[in-house]
Amino acid sequence: VSGIGIMNICLVSVGERTREIGVRKSIGARQIDIFYQFLTEAICLCLCGGTLGVVGVWLAACGMARLAVRIMPIVPEWPVVLSLPWILVSVIFSVFMGVSFGIYPALQASKLSPIDALRMET
C-alpha cells in the first residue's frame, strides 16, 4: 500500500514539473538524467520514511518498556535493544521500495518530449 502511495506522489510530481522537464531537456538533459533524478527522489523519499519508521519504533519501544515497568515492577528497567541487522534490513527494504515503485514515474518523466512538455499547461 505504501509503495502505491510513493508511486502516486512521484507521478503527481512528474505532472506538476512537466515544464521543468521540458526546459531541462531542451537545454541538453538526457533521458537518463531525468530518469535518475526522479528515481533518486523516490529513493530519498522512501529512505526518509524508513528512517522515521525506525525512530518511531524505537520511541514506541521505549515508551512500552517504561509502561511495562510501571505495570509489572519485576525488574527496575526493561532494556530496549535496537538491532543493527534489522536496521539494515529496513534500510535495504526502503531502497528496494523506492526503486521498485519509483521506476514507472521516472520512466514517464524521462520519456516526455521537450516540445510536448513545454506546450503542456499546468
C-alpha atoms as a PDB file:
ATOM      1  CA  VAL A   1       0.000   0.000   0.000  1.00  0.00           C
ATOM      2  CA  SER A   2       2.798   2.417   0.855  1.00  0.00           C
ATOM      3  CA  GLY A   3       4.513   1.659  -2.444  1.00  0.00           C
ATOM      4  CA  ILE A   4       1.433   2.711  -4.384  1.00  0.00           C
ATOM      5  CA  GLY A   5       1.373   5.911  -2.334  1.00  0.00           C
ATOM      6  CA  ILE A   6       5.012   6.576  -3.225  1.00  0.00           C
ATOM      7  CA  MET A   7       4.275   5.949  -6.896  1.00  0.00           C
ATOM      8  CA  ASN A   8       1.282   8.289  -6.751  1.00  0.00           C
ATOM      9  CA  ILE A   9       3.333  11.062  -5.123  1.00  0.00           C
ATOM     10  CA  CYS A  10       6.030  10.666  -7.767  1.00  0.00           C
ATOM     11  CA  LEU A  11       3.503  10.693 -10.626  1.00  0.00           C
ATOM     12  CA  VAL A  12       1.952  13.889  -9.256  1.00  0.00           C
ATOM     13  CA  SER A  13       5.456  15.359  -9.048  1.00  0.00           C
ATOM     14  CA  VAL A  14       6.074  14.464 -12.697  1.00  0.00           C
ATOM     15  CA  GLY A  15       2.756  16.037 -13.681  1.00  0.00           C
ATOM     16  CA  GLU A  16       3.496  19.249 -11.813  1.00  0.00           C
ATOM     17  CA  ARG A  17       7.027  19.529 -13.162  1.00  0.00           C
ATOM     18  CA  THR A  18       6.452  18.885 -16.863  1.00  0.00           C
ATOM     19  CA  ARG A  19       7.613  22.364 -17.837  1.00  0.00           C
ATOM     20  CA  GLU A  20      10.798  21.933 -15.798  1.00  0.00           C
ATOM     21  CA  ILE A  21      11.419  18.610 -17.536  1.00  0.00           C
ATOM     22  CA  GLY A  22      10.844  20.259 -20.903  1.00  0.00           C
ATOM     23  CA  VAL A  23      13.255  23.101 -20.131  1.00  0.00           C
ATOM     24  CA  ARG A  24      15.911  20.700 -18.867  1.00  0.00           C
ATOM     25  CA  LYS A  25      15.577  18.506 -21.961  1.00  0.00           C
ATOM     26  CA  SER A  26      15.624  21.480 -24.320  1.00  0.00           C
ATOM     27  CA  ILE A  27      18.934  22.698 -22.860  1.00  0.00           C
ATOM     28  CA  GLY A  28      20.567  19.292 -23.129  1.00  0.00           C
ATOM     29  CA  ALA A  29      19.467  16.958 -20.350  1.00  0.00           C
ATOM     30  CA  ARG A  30      19.411  13.351 -21.493  1.00  0.00           C
ATOM     31  CA  GLN A  31      16.640  10.845 -20.776  1.00  0.00           C
ATOM     32  CA  ILE A  32      18.864   9.035 -18.300  1.00  0.00           C
ATOM     33  CA  ASP A  33      19.480  12.300 -16.389  1.00  0.00           C
ATOM     34  CA  ILE A  34      15.752  12.881 -15.925  1.00  0.00           C
ATOM     35  CA  PHE A  35      15.233   9.202 -15.086  1.00  0.00           C
ATOM     36  CA  TYR A  36      17.914   9.216 -12.375  1.00  0.00           C
ATOM     37  CA  GLN A  37      16.622  12.488 -10.920  1.00  0.00           C
ATOM     38  CA  PHE A  38      13.122  11.138 -10.333  1.00  0.00           C
ATOM     39  CA  LEU A  39      14.356   7.712  -9.241  1.00  0.00           C
ATOM     40  CA  THR A  40      16.697   9.349  -6.718  1.00  0.00           C
ATOM     41  CA  GLU A  41      13.825  11.445  -5.382  1.00  0.00           C
ATOM     42  CA  ALA A  42      11.722   8.301  -4.878  1.00  0.00           C
ATOM     43  CA  ILE A  43      14.575   6.517  -3.102  1.00  0.00           C
ATOM     44  CA  CYS A  44      15.208   9.529  -0.845  1.00  0.00           C
ATOM     45  CA  LEU A  45      11.518   9.714  -0.007  1.00  0.00           C
ATOM     46  CA  CYS A  46      11.491   6.030   0.960  1.00  0.00           C
ATOM     47  CA  LEU A  47      14.705   6.348   2.965  1.00  0.00           C
ATOM     48  CA  CYS A  48      13.216   9.242   4.931  1.00  0.00           C
ATOM     49  CA  GLY A  49      10.137   7.136   5.612  1.00  0.00           C
ATOM     50  CA  GLY A  50      12.261   4.166   6.667  1.00  0.00           C
ATOM     51  CA  THR A  51      14.356   6.333   8.981  1.00  0.00           C
ATOM     52  CA  LEU A  52      11.265   7.854  10.562  1.00  0.00           C
ATOM     53  CA  GLY A  53       9.870   4.343  10.957  1.00  0.00           C
ATOM     54  CA  VAL A  54      12.975   3.104  12.795  1.00  0.00           C
ATOM     55  CA  VAL A  55      12.963   6.163  15.075  1.00  0.00           C
ATOM     56  CA  GLY A  56       9.226   5.774  15.681  1.00  0.00           C
ATOM     57  CA  VAL A  57       9.580   2.100  16.559  1.00  0.00           C
ATOM     58  CA  TRP A  58      12.434   2.870  18.945  1.00  0.00           C
ATOM     59  CA  LEU A  59      10.423   5.616  20.675  1.00  0.00           C
ATOM     60  CA  ALA A  60       7.382   3.350  20.923  1.00  0.00           C
ATOM     61  CA  ALA A  61       9.501   0.520  22.338  1.00  0.00           C
ATOM     62  CA  CYS A  62      10.994   2.859  24.954  1.00  0.00           C
ATOM     63  CA  GLY A  63       7.514   4.002  25.941  1.00  0.00           C
ATOM     64  CA  MET A  64       6.238   0.445  26.148  1.00  0.00           C
ATOM     65  CA  ALA A  65       9.247  -0.588  28.263  1.00  0.00           C
ATOM     66  CA  ARG A  66       8.547   2.232  30.717  1.00  0.00           C
ATOM     67  CA  LEU A  67       4.889   1.275  30.832  1.00  0.00           C
ATOM     68  CA  ALA A  68       5.778  -2.381  31.403  1.00  0.00           C
ATOM     69  CA  VAL A  69       7.961  -1.430  34.379  1.00  0.00           C
ATOM     70  CA  ARG A  70       5.060   0.512  35.898  1.00  0.00           C
ATOM     71  CA  ILE A  71       2.544  -2.264  35.312  1.00  0.00           C
ATOM     72  CA  MET A  72       4.788  -5.167  36.353  1.00  0.00           C
ATOM     73  CA  PRO A  73       7.630  -3.926  38.561  1.00  0.00           C
ATOM     74  CA  ILE A  74       9.524  -7.222  38.390  1.00  0.00           C
ATOM     75  CA  VAL A  75      12.682  -5.536  37.147  1.00  0.00           C
ATOM     76  CA  PRO A  76      13.717  -1.907  37.609  1.00  0.00           C
ATOM     77  CA  GLU A  77      14.159  -1.365  33.867  1.00  0.00           C
ATOM     78  CA  TRP A  78      13.300  -3.194  30.647  1.00  0.00           C
ATOM     79  CA  PRO A  79      16.101  -2.792  28.118  1.00  0.00           C
ATOM     80  CA  VAL A  80      15.269  -1.659  24.605  1.00  0.00           C
ATOM     81  CA  VAL A  81      17.697  -3.124  22.103  1.00  0.00           C
ATOM     82  CA  LEU A  82      17.905  -1.729  18.605  1.00  0.00           C
ATOM     83  CA  SER A  83      19.372  -4.493  16.444  1.00  0.00           C
ATOM     84  CA  LEU A  84      21.762  -3.357  13.707  1.00  0.00           C
ATOM     85  CA  PRO A  85      20.851  -6.217  11.326  1.00  0.00           C
ATOM     86  CA  TRP A  86      17.178  -5.229  11.478  1.00  0.00           C
ATOM     87  CA  ILE A  87      18.037  -1.572  10.901  1.00  0.00           C
ATOM     88  CA  LEU A  88      19.985  -2.636   7.804  1.00  0.00           C
ATOM     89  CA  VAL A  89      17.047  -4.761   6.650  1.00  0.00           C
ATOM     90  CA  SER A  90      14.736  -1.757   6.955  1.00  0.00           C
ATOM     91  CA  VAL A  91      17.159   0.487   5.040  1.00  0.00           C
ATOM     92  CA  ILE A  92      17.586  -2.096   2.279  1.00  0.00           C
ATOM     93  CA  PHE A  93      13.828  -2.604   2.106  1.00  0.00           C
ATOM     94  CA  SER A  94      13.307   1.170   1.897  1.00  0.00           C
ATOM     95  CA  VAL A  95      15.732   1.399  -1.028  1.00  0.00           C
ATOM     96  CA  PHE A  96      14.021  -1.581  -2.700  1.00  0.00           C
ATOM     97  CA  MET A  97      10.618   0.101  -2.319  1.00  0.00           C
ATOM     98  CA  GLY A  98      11.993   3.359  -3.720  1.00  0.00           C
ATOM     99  CA  VAL A  99      13.480   1.632  -6.741  1.00  0.00           C
ATOM    100  CA  SER A 100      10.560  -0.678  -7.466  1.00  0.00           C
ATOM    101  CA  PHE A 101       7.848   1.963  -7.129  1.00  0.00           C
ATOM    102  CA  GLY A 102       9.909   4.863  -8.494  1.00  0.00           C
ATOM    103  CA  ILE A 103      10.813   3.282 -11.829  1.00  0.00           C
ATOM    104  CA  TYR A 104       7.455   3.867 -13.517  1.00  0.00           C
ATOM    105  CA  PRO A 105       7.198   7.608 -12.686  1.00  0.00           C
ATOM    106  CA  ALA A 106      10.871   8.077 -13.595  1.00  0.00           C
ATOM    107  CA  LEU A 107      10.272   6.396 -16.964  1.00  0.00           C
ATOM    108  CA  GLN A 108       7.220   8.576 -17.563  1.00  0.00           C
ATOM    109  CA  ALA A 109       9.253  11.697 -16.822  1.00  0.00           C
ATOM    110  CA  SER A 110      12.197  10.650 -18.975  1.00  0.00           C
ATOM    111  CA  LYS A 111      10.008   9.787 -21.977  1.00  0.00           C
ATOM    112  CA  LEU A 112       8.395  13.236 -22.173  1.00  0.00           C
ATOM    113  CA  SER A 113       9.383  15.078 -25.317  1.00  0.00           C
ATOM    114  CA  PRO A 114      10.632  18.623 -24.723  1.00  0.00           C
ATOM    115  CA  ILE A 115       8.111  20.132 -27.137  1.00  0.00           C
ATOM    116  CA  ASP A 116       5.113  18.421 -25.545  1.00  0.00           C
ATOM    117  CA  ALA A 117       6.358  19.188 -22.039  1.00  0.00           C
ATOM    118  CA  LEU A 118       6.802  22.895 -22.790  1.00  0.00           C
ATOM    119  CA  ARG A 119       3.464  23.073 -24.576  1.00  0.00           C
ATOM    120  CA  MET A 120       1.556  21.478 -21.692  1.00  0.00           C
ATOM    121  CA  GLU A 121      -0.448  23.782 -19.416  1.00  0.00           C
ATOM    122  CA  THR A 122      -0.189  23.274 -15.660  1.00  0.00           C
END
